[in-house]
Protein backbone atom coordinates (compact mmCIF):
# COMPACT_ATOMS: atom_id res chain seq x y z
CA MET A 1 24.02 23.46 42.16
CA SER A 2 21.02 23.23 39.80
CA ALA A 3 21.41 23.17 36.06
CA THR A 4 19.82 26.63 35.87
CA LEU A 5 22.37 28.11 38.25
CA LEU A 6 25.21 26.42 36.43
CA THR A 7 24.02 27.90 33.17
CA ALA A 8 23.67 31.34 34.69
CA ALA A 9 27.18 31.13 36.13
CA ARG A 10 28.75 30.56 32.71
CA SER A 11 30.00 33.58 30.85
CA LEU A 12 28.37 34.82 27.68
CA PRO A 13 31.56 34.24 25.64
CA GLU A 14 31.58 30.59 26.73
CA VAL A 15 27.99 30.09 25.60
CA ALA A 16 28.71 31.90 22.30
CA GLN A 17 31.71 29.67 21.69
CA GLU A 18 29.71 26.51 22.32
CA LEU A 19 26.95 27.67 19.96
CA ASP A 20 29.45 28.48 17.22
CA VAL A 21 31.22 25.14 17.55
CA THR A 22 27.92 23.26 17.56
CA TRP A 23 26.71 25.05 14.44
CA VAL A 24 29.97 24.42 12.57
CA ILE A 25 29.83 20.70 13.37
CA VAL A 26 26.15 20.47 12.34
CA ALA A 27 26.92 22.33 9.12
CA GLY A 28 29.88 20.03 8.50
CA VAL A 29 27.67 16.97 8.91
CA LEU A 30 25.23 18.42 6.36
CA VAL A 31 28.11 18.89 3.92
CA MET A 32 29.34 15.36 4.59
CA PHE A 33 25.84 14.08 3.77
CA MET A 34 26.36 15.55 0.30
CA GLN A 35 28.52 12.48 -0.39
CA ALA A 36 25.26 10.52 -0.45
CA GLY A 37 23.88 13.06 -2.91
CA PHE A 38 26.84 12.67 -5.24
CA ALA A 39 26.53 8.89 -4.98
CA CYS A 40 22.85 9.00 -5.98
CA VAL A 41 23.50 11.41 -8.86
CA GLU A 42 26.34 9.27 -10.23
CA MET A 43 24.46 6.00 -9.81
CA GLY A 44 21.40 7.51 -11.48
CA PHE A 45 23.46 8.55 -14.50
CA SER A 46 25.29 5.19 -14.68
CA ARG A 47 24.05 2.02 -16.29
CA SER A 48 23.02 -0.68 -13.84
CA LYS A 49 26.24 -2.68 -14.39
CA ASN A 50 28.29 0.18 -12.93
CA VAL A 51 26.38 1.32 -9.83
CA GLY A 52 28.14 -0.76 -7.16
CA THR A 53 31.56 0.69 -7.90
CA VAL A 54 30.21 4.20 -7.11
CA VAL A 55 29.48 3.09 -3.54
CA ALA A 56 32.98 1.70 -3.06
CA LYS A 57 34.52 4.83 -4.59
CA VAL A 58 32.61 7.24 -2.32
CA LEU A 59 33.48 5.30 0.83
CA LEU A 60 37.17 4.91 0.01
CA ASN A 61 37.65 8.47 -1.24
CA PHE A 62 36.15 10.03 1.87
CA SER A 63 38.35 7.82 4.03
CA VAL A 64 41.55 8.68 2.14
CA VAL A 65 40.72 12.39 2.23
CA THR A 66 40.12 12.28 5.98
CA VAL A 67 43.53 10.78 6.77
CA VAL A 68 45.52 12.88 4.30
CA TRP A 69 43.75 16.09 5.35
CA TRP A 70 44.73 15.40 8.96
CA LEU A 71 48.32 14.59 8.06
CA CYS A 72 49.11 17.52 5.77
CA GLY A 73 46.20 18.97 3.81
CA PHE A 74 44.85 21.13 6.61
CA ALA A 75 48.30 22.50 7.42
CA ILE A 76 48.99 23.46 3.80
CA ALA A 77 45.57 25.12 3.51
CA PHE A 78 45.35 26.91 6.86
CA GLY A 79 48.69 26.57 8.63
CA GLY A 80 50.31 29.98 8.80
CA ASP A 81 50.59 33.13 6.73
CA GLY A 82 52.66 32.00 3.75
CA LEU A 83 51.84 33.53 0.40
CA PHE A 84 51.67 30.21 -1.49
CA SER A 85 51.00 27.62 1.22
CA GLY A 86 50.68 27.02 4.91
CA HIS A 87 53.50 25.45 6.85
CA THR A 88 52.35 24.66 10.41
CA GLY A 89 49.95 22.25 12.04
CA PHE A 90 50.82 18.99 10.31
CA ALA A 91 48.85 16.18 11.96
CA PHE A 92 47.26 18.90 14.14
CA SER A 93 50.53 19.58 15.92
CA ALA A 94 50.64 22.08 18.76
CA ALA A 95 52.44 24.53 16.49
CA TRP A 96 49.28 25.20 14.46
CA HIS A 97 47.73 28.65 14.58
CA PRO A 98 45.09 30.22 12.33
CA PRO A 99 46.55 32.42 9.57
CA ALA A 100 45.95 36.14 9.62
CA GLY A 101 43.59 35.90 6.64
CA SER A 102 41.66 32.91 7.95
CA PRO A 103 37.87 33.29 8.21
CA MET A 104 37.95 31.68 11.65
CA PRO A 105 36.26 33.92 14.28
CA ASP A 106 37.69 34.33 17.76
CA THR A 107 35.15 31.91 19.21
CA MET A 108 36.52 29.17 16.93
CA ALA A 109 40.24 29.87 17.36
CA GLY A 110 40.71 27.24 20.05
CA ASN A 111 38.72 24.54 18.28
CA VAL A 112 40.94 23.18 15.58
CA GLY A 113 38.86 19.99 15.40
CA ALA A 114 35.64 21.81 14.48
CA PHE A 115 37.26 24.10 11.92
CA ALA A 116 39.36 21.32 10.40
CA PHE A 117 36.36 18.99 10.12
CA PHE A 118 34.32 21.66 8.36
CA GLN A 119 37.11 22.33 5.88
CA LEU A 120 37.71 18.59 5.42
CA VAL A 121 34.19 17.98 4.14
CA PHE A 122 34.64 20.86 1.68
CA CYS A 123 37.72 19.10 0.30
CA ALA A 124 35.80 15.83 0.06
CA VAL A 125 33.00 17.50 -1.91
CA SER A 126 35.49 19.02 -4.33
CA LEU A 127 37.05 15.61 -4.92
CA ALA A 128 33.62 14.03 -5.47
CA ILE A 129 33.01 16.47 -8.34
CA VAL A 130 36.10 15.19 -10.17
CA TRP A 131 34.76 11.69 -10.70
CA GLY A 132 31.47 12.58 -12.39
CA THR A 133 33.36 13.01 -15.66
CA THR A 134 34.98 9.57 -15.44
CA LEU A 135 32.03 7.25 -14.87
CA GLU A 136 31.90 3.73 -16.30
CA ARG A 137 35.46 3.38 -17.64
CA ILE A 138 38.10 4.43 -15.09
CA ARG A 139 40.20 1.92 -13.17
CA PHE A 140 39.53 1.90 -9.45
CA ILE A 141 43.23 2.28 -8.57
CA ALA A 142 43.07 5.88 -9.81
CA TYR A 143 40.69 6.88 -7.02
CA PRO A 144 42.88 6.52 -3.91
CA ILE A 145 46.04 7.76 -5.63
CA TYR A 146 44.49 10.94 -6.97
CA ALA A 147 42.51 11.41 -3.73
CA ALA A 148 45.74 11.47 -1.72
CA VAL A 149 47.39 14.01 -4.05
CA PHE A 150 44.21 16.09 -4.23
CA ALA A 151 43.67 16.25 -0.45
CA GLY A 152 47.36 16.64 0.34
CA LEU A 153 48.38 19.24 -2.23
CA ILE A 154 46.01 20.35 -5.01
CA TYR A 155 42.94 21.41 -3.04
CA PRO A 156 44.91 22.78 -0.04
CA LEU A 157 46.91 25.12 -2.28
CA VAL A 158 43.80 26.70 -3.79
CA ALA A 159 42.09 26.82 -0.40
CA HIS A 160 45.10 28.60 1.08
CA TRP A 161 45.27 31.12 -1.75
CA ILE A 162 41.61 32.14 -1.27
CA PHE A 163 40.32 30.96 2.13
CA GLY A 164 43.58 30.96 4.08
CA GLY A 165 44.98 34.45 3.48
CA GLY A 166 47.34 33.43 0.69
CA LEU A 167 48.11 34.68 -2.80
CA LEU A 168 44.64 35.57 -4.09
CA GLY A 169 43.66 37.13 -0.79
CA HIS A 170 46.29 39.81 -1.52
CA LEU A 171 45.14 40.48 -5.08
CA GLY A 172 43.54 43.93 -5.16
CA GLY A 173 41.32 44.13 -2.11
CA GLY A 174 41.12 40.35 -2.02
CA MET A 175 39.33 37.74 -4.11
CA GLN A 176 35.74 37.09 -3.03
CA ASP A 177 34.63 33.46 -2.69
CA PHE A 178 32.48 33.06 0.40
CA ALA A 179 31.98 29.29 0.32
CA GLY A 180 33.82 27.98 -2.71
CA SER A 181 32.43 28.46 -6.24
CA THR A 182 36.10 28.48 -7.26
CA VAL A 183 37.83 26.79 -4.33
CA VAL A 184 35.51 23.78 -4.27
CA HIS A 185 33.51 23.60 -7.50
CA LEU A 186 35.81 24.95 -10.19
CA THR A 187 38.68 23.03 -8.60
CA GLY A 188 36.71 19.78 -8.79
CA ALA A 189 35.52 20.40 -12.34
CA THR A 190 39.04 21.28 -13.48
CA GLY A 191 40.42 18.06 -12.01
CA GLY A 192 37.65 16.20 -13.82
CA LEU A 193 38.57 17.89 -17.10
CA ALA A 194 42.20 16.80 -16.73
CA ALA A 195 41.12 13.21 -16.08
CA LEU A 196 38.67 13.21 -18.96
CA LEU A 197 41.23 14.41 -21.50
CA LEU A 198 43.50 11.48 -20.63
CA LEU A 199 40.70 8.96 -20.20
CA GLY A 200 38.67 9.45 -23.36
CA PRO A 201 34.97 8.75 -23.96
CA ARG A 202 32.98 5.63 -23.18
CA ARG A 203 32.70 3.00 -25.88
CA GLU A 204 30.10 3.85 -28.52
CA LYS A 205 29.57 7.36 -27.15
CA TYR A 206 30.45 8.85 -30.53
CA GLY A 207 29.41 7.47 -33.90
CA PRO A 208 31.65 7.01 -36.94
CA ASP A 209 30.82 10.55 -38.04
CA GLY A 210 31.79 11.93 -34.62
CA SER A 211 28.23 12.71 -33.55
CA ALA A 212 27.40 12.21 -29.87
CA ARG A 213 25.08 9.39 -28.86
CA ALA A 214 23.00 9.42 -25.71
CA ILE A 215 23.90 6.76 -23.12
CA PRO A 216 20.99 7.00 -20.67
CA GLY A 217 21.53 6.38 -16.98
CA HIS A 218 19.50 3.68 -15.31
CA SER A 219 17.51 5.74 -12.79
CA MET A 220 16.27 9.32 -12.98
CA PRO A 221 14.43 8.92 -9.63
CA LEU A 222 17.77 8.11 -8.00
CA PHE A 223 19.31 11.15 -9.69
CA GLY A 224 16.45 13.34 -8.42
CA LEU A 225 16.96 12.07 -4.88
CA GLY A 226 20.64 12.94 -5.19
CA VAL A 227 19.82 16.49 -6.28
CA LEU A 228 17.53 16.97 -3.28
CA ILE A 229 20.21 15.66 -0.91
CA LEU A 230 22.74 18.05 -2.42
CA TRP A 231 20.27 20.93 -2.07
CA LEU A 232 19.84 20.12 1.62
CA GLY A 233 23.56 19.78 2.20
CA TRP A 234 24.20 23.17 0.59
CA PHE A 235 22.67 24.94 3.59
CA GLY A 236 25.58 23.58 5.59
CA PHE A 237 27.92 24.55 2.78
CA ASN A 238 26.96 28.22 2.49
CA ALA A 239 25.30 29.11 5.78
CA GLY A 240 27.91 27.09 7.64
CA SER A 241 30.65 29.26 6.17
CA THR A 242 29.64 32.00 8.59
CA LEU A 243 31.52 29.80 11.10
CA GLY A 244 29.28 31.22 13.82
CA THR A 245 25.76 32.09 14.89
CA GLU A 246 26.10 35.78 15.63
CA GLY A 247 23.49 38.10 14.13
CA SER A 248 21.21 37.19 11.25
CA ARG A 249 23.81 36.34 8.59
CA LEU A 250 23.29 32.60 8.97
CA ALA A 251 19.58 32.84 8.11
CA GLU A 252 20.08 35.40 5.34
CA ILE A 253 22.67 33.25 3.60
CA ALA A 254 20.44 30.17 3.86
CA PHE A 255 17.58 31.98 2.14
CA VAL A 256 19.83 33.52 -0.50
CA THR A 257 21.06 29.99 -1.24
CA ASN A 258 17.53 28.66 -1.58
CA LEU A 259 16.50 31.50 -3.89
CA ALA A 260 19.38 30.81 -6.25
CA ALA A 261 18.76 27.05 -6.33
CA ALA A 262 15.08 27.49 -7.13
CA SER A 263 15.88 30.10 -9.78
CA GLY A 264 18.44 27.75 -11.32
CA ALA A 265 15.75 25.08 -11.71
CA VAL A 266 13.38 27.59 -13.31
CA GLY A 267 16.06 28.90 -15.67
CA ALA A 268 17.05 25.42 -16.84
CA ALA A 269 13.42 24.36 -17.24
CA LEU A 270 12.69 27.40 -19.39
CA MET A 271 15.78 26.90 -21.52
CA VAL A 272 15.20 23.19 -22.16
CA ALA A 273 11.49 23.68 -22.81
CA LEU A 274 12.10 26.48 -25.31
CA THR A 275 14.82 24.58 -27.16
CA THR A 276 13.45 21.02 -27.14
CA ARG A 277 9.74 21.35 -26.35
CA SER A 278 10.18 18.91 -23.49
CA LEU A 279 11.16 19.07 -19.83
CA ASP A 280 14.33 16.99 -19.51
CA VAL A 281 14.57 15.75 -15.92
CA SER A 282 18.36 15.71 -15.90
CA MET A 283 18.59 19.29 -17.18
CA ILE A 284 16.23 20.59 -14.49
CA GLY A 285 18.27 18.77 -11.85
CA ASN A 286 21.48 20.20 -13.22
CA GLY A 287 19.81 23.61 -13.16
CA VAL A 288 19.33 23.25 -9.41
CA ILE A 289 22.96 22.25 -8.97
CA ALA A 290 24.17 25.07 -11.22
CA GLY A 291 22.18 27.61 -9.22
CA LEU A 292 23.66 26.28 -5.99
CA VAL A 293 27.19 26.26 -7.37
CA ALA A 294 26.83 29.80 -8.70
CA ILE A 295 25.54 31.26 -5.42
CA THR A 296 28.27 29.57 -3.36
CA ALA A 297 30.81 32.36 -3.91
CA PRO A 298 28.47 35.37 -3.61
CA SER A 299 26.15 33.97 -0.91
CA GLY A 300 27.86 36.03 1.80
CA PHE A 301 28.28 39.11 -0.39
CA VAL A 302 24.94 39.75 -2.12
CA GLU A 303 21.53 41.08 -1.11
CA PHE A 304 18.38 39.03 -1.59
CA TRP A 305 17.48 40.69 -4.91
CA ALA A 306 20.68 39.47 -6.59
CA ALA A 307 20.27 35.78 -5.71
CA PRO A 308 17.54 34.97 -8.29
CA ILE A 309 19.60 36.67 -10.99
CA VAL A 310 22.66 34.60 -10.12
CA GLY A 311 20.57 31.42 -10.04
CA VAL A 312 18.52 31.91 -13.19
CA VAL A 313 21.56 32.85 -15.26
CA ALA A 314 23.28 29.67 -14.04
CA GLY A 315 20.23 27.63 -15.04
CA LEU A 316 20.09 29.25 -18.46
CA LEU A 317 23.81 28.63 -18.98
CA VAL A 318 23.97 25.02 -17.89
CA VAL A 319 21.67 23.63 -20.61
CA PRO A 320 23.62 24.86 -23.67
CA ALA A 321 26.90 24.19 -21.83
CA VAL A 322 26.00 20.53 -21.28
CA ARG A 323 25.04 20.14 -24.93
CA ALA A 324 28.10 21.91 -26.28
CA ILE A 325 30.53 19.95 -24.12
CA ASP A 326 28.78 16.66 -24.90
CA ARG A 327 29.61 17.11 -28.57
CA VAL A 328 33.34 16.82 -27.87
CA LEU A 329 33.80 15.40 -24.34
CA ASP A 330 31.99 12.52 -22.63
CA ASP A 331 30.95 14.00 -19.27
CA PRO A 332 28.12 11.69 -18.11
CA VAL A 333 26.79 13.86 -15.26
CA GLY A 334 27.46 17.31 -16.71
CA ALA A 335 30.02 18.17 -14.04
CA LEU A 336 32.04 20.43 -16.31
CA SER A 337 28.94 22.54 -16.88
CA ALA A 338 27.12 22.43 -13.54
CA HIS A 339 30.27 22.86 -11.44
CA GLY A 340 32.77 24.38 -13.86
CA VAL A 341 30.81 26.85 -15.98
CA ALA A 342 28.46 27.73 -13.12
CA GLY A 343 31.41 28.01 -10.73
CA VAL A 344 33.07 30.57 -13.00
CA TRP A 345 29.82 32.51 -13.36
CA GLY A 346 29.22 32.55 -9.60
CA THR A 347 32.73 33.77 -8.88
CA LEU A 348 32.43 36.56 -11.44
CA ALA A 349 28.98 37.47 -10.07
CA CYS A 350 30.68 38.71 -6.90
CA GLY A 351 32.38 41.35 -9.04
CA LEU A 352 28.96 42.45 -10.25
CA PHE A 353 26.70 42.25 -7.19
CA ALA A 354 28.87 42.36 -4.02
CA SER A 355 27.09 44.69 -1.60
CA PRO A 356 28.97 47.47 0.20
CA ARG A 357 26.72 46.92 3.23
CA LEU A 358 27.71 43.29 3.58
CA ILE A 359 31.40 43.90 2.93
CA GLY A 360 31.40 46.67 5.54
CA GLU A 361 29.38 44.94 8.26
CA ALA A 362 31.00 41.52 7.97
CA GLY A 363 34.54 42.69 7.25
CA LEU A 364 34.61 40.55 4.11
CA PRO A 365 37.44 40.97 1.57
CA GLY A 366 37.30 42.88 -1.66
CA ARG A 367 35.34 45.86 -2.87
CA PRO A 368 31.72 46.43 -3.95
CA GLY A 369 30.62 45.03 -7.28
CA LEU A 370 30.16 46.85 -10.55
CA PHE A 371 26.46 47.58 -10.03
CA TYR A 372 27.24 49.46 -6.82
CA SER A 373 30.63 50.99 -7.51
CA GLY A 374 30.63 51.50 -11.26
CA SER A 375 34.13 50.00 -11.21
CA PHE A 376 35.38 46.85 -12.92
CA GLU A 377 38.14 46.45 -10.33
CA GLN A 378 36.59 43.63 -8.30
CA LEU A 379 35.39 41.88 -11.44
CA GLY A 380 38.98 41.91 -12.69
CA VAL A 381 40.23 40.44 -9.41
CA GLN A 382 37.62 37.68 -9.66
CA ALA A 383 38.59 36.85 -13.24
CA ALA A 384 42.29 36.73 -12.37
CA GLY A 385 41.54 34.45 -9.41
CA VAL A 386 39.52 32.07 -11.59
CA LEU A 387 42.35 31.89 -14.13
CA ALA A 388 45.04 31.29 -11.49
CA ALA A 389 43.07 28.53 -9.78
CA PHE A 390 42.18 26.83 -13.08
CA VAL A 391 45.77 26.77 -14.36
CA ALA A 392 47.22 25.48 -11.09
CA VAL A 393 44.63 22.73 -10.64
CA PHE A 394 44.70 21.65 -14.26
CA VAL A 395 48.49 21.36 -14.44
CA LEU A 396 48.81 19.45 -11.15
CA SER A 397 45.84 17.19 -11.94
CA TYR A 398 46.95 16.44 -15.48
CA LEU A 399 50.43 15.49 -14.27
CA THR A 400 48.97 13.26 -11.55
CA PHE A 401 46.63 11.44 -13.91
CA ALA A 402 49.39 11.13 -16.52
CA VAL A 403 51.60 9.37 -13.97
CA ILE A 404 48.73 7.08 -12.94
CA LYS A 405 48.10 6.27 -16.60
CA ALA A 406 51.77 5.51 -17.27
CA VAL A 407 52.35 3.39 -14.15
CA PHE A 408 49.04 1.64 -13.47
CA GLY A 409 46.81 2.36 -16.42
CA LEU A 410 43.90 4.77 -16.18
CA ARG A 411 41.23 3.00 -18.16
CA VAL A 412 39.76 -0.50 -18.12
CA THR A 413 39.89 -2.59 -21.29
CA ASP A 414 37.07 -2.57 -23.84
CA GLN A 415 35.93 -6.00 -22.67
CA GLU A 416 35.96 -4.95 -19.02
CA GLU A 417 33.99 -1.84 -19.87
CA GLN A 418 31.45 -3.95 -21.71
CA ASP A 419 31.15 -6.37 -18.77
CA GLY A 420 30.71 -3.52 -16.27
CA LEU A 421 32.91 -2.22 -13.48
CA ASP A 422 30.88 -3.84 -10.72
CA ILE A 423 31.87 -7.39 -11.68
CA VAL A 424 35.31 -6.48 -13.08
CA GLU A 425 36.58 -4.38 -10.17
CA HIS A 426 34.58 -5.77 -7.25
CA GLY A 427 33.51 -9.28 -8.19
CA MET A 428 29.83 -8.57 -7.61
CA TYR A 429 26.91 -6.75 -9.15
CA GLY A 430 25.13 -3.73 -7.72
CA TYR A 431 21.86 -5.25 -8.93
CA PRO A 432 22.66 -8.99 -9.04
CA GLU A 433 19.12 -10.12 -9.86
CA GLN A 434 19.43 -8.42 -13.26
CA PHE A 435 22.52 -10.39 -14.24
CA ILE A 436 22.36 -13.72 -12.40
CA GLU A 437 19.72 -16.29 -13.20
CA GLU A 438 18.93 -18.21 -10.04
CA GLU A 439 17.22 -21.56 -9.90
CA VAL A 440 14.85 -21.23 -6.95
CA PRO A 441 14.05 -24.68 -5.49
CA LEU A 442 10.37 -25.49 -5.12
CA ARG A 443 8.96 -25.74 -1.65
CA PRO A 444 7.73 -29.26 -0.78
CA SER A 445 4.13 -28.14 -1.05
CA MET A 446 4.77 -26.98 -4.61
CA ALA A 447 6.51 -30.12 -5.82
CA ALA A 448 4.72 -32.47 -8.20
CA PRO A 449 3.17 -35.54 -6.50
């Protein structure tokens, strides 16, 4: 039988299922590629003596998350209809079934691998956000330990409460977070805050009078490349959260995402230009990230007109937030601002701009936003959800890092920090030619007669 006849003989539901699974895997790969973006951003903001350790951290963290997510994280997040956590599907056992509140469409119900992979890379992104606050002074042992707890308990609990039909899905008409402004970004930023409070600032970050000193990263071009990679990966993040290809929602969400990112860059550029009379490269990049973070929750809920508002407000917020936080906390990449502050704003924006058309057509949770309904009800649900997620993640993360600090030590010594984590933790330099003077032997033709 020819290929054409074979194709014609297949049912439309079969073809739809294959398209949905293919899209979810492609979107998941885009989100996984965001690990490269985080690596470039962190290396760009690090000094050259600390760039190699970022590579090792990204590789090991993603590996630990993958194994732990398979063993228990996925089951706690999406295994069953429990109010606080899932309870079936450990190690992808046959007992797993999608919870009643799961966003998984019928075409995906039999493809646990595709759905679990897509949710795995979300968890890995959230964990990557944590470490931006800890650059250049944390001991490497903290990475795998916290990664295991994060992927096995902390992130899955929040994901279950919001994505998996759990606690916050029952609050009012349901908390709205289409792709994770709270689940992914606020969770990661909150974990980073807990680590930072126990870790303390880098040496010489603050002067004797307590004033903050700039510690420039070694490569703004590398940082810019990281931002562009993250921007690309976000199309998998938001548009992939449709979990299918039916209708035009996939394309609409992609364009809404792009509008917010661009508006975030414009907002940050305006703010930094008006306040400093210069165009700080790092602030513009963080404006892009803030716009993307902010639109992550409302991307499936808002019309096109709302996206630039969400993005530009995020860009305007991130600049003063970075400066204010830098006065008291040493957050080298601005994660607390770009992912935390912008994540809160994006989550609350659902309560302002959620469209009744989109909620009705897509069967999404919650109620229309304030600008449509005149009611603060959904905004209140969003605020309560933000508070619940923040408290839970902060308490669990702080306890985890406190145990790591007590048992293994959380921070390298002053001398090790001065030498750089590349040579201290890994026995090699990321850029060895900058630190090692080599005697290059002369070729015979160059030798003196």
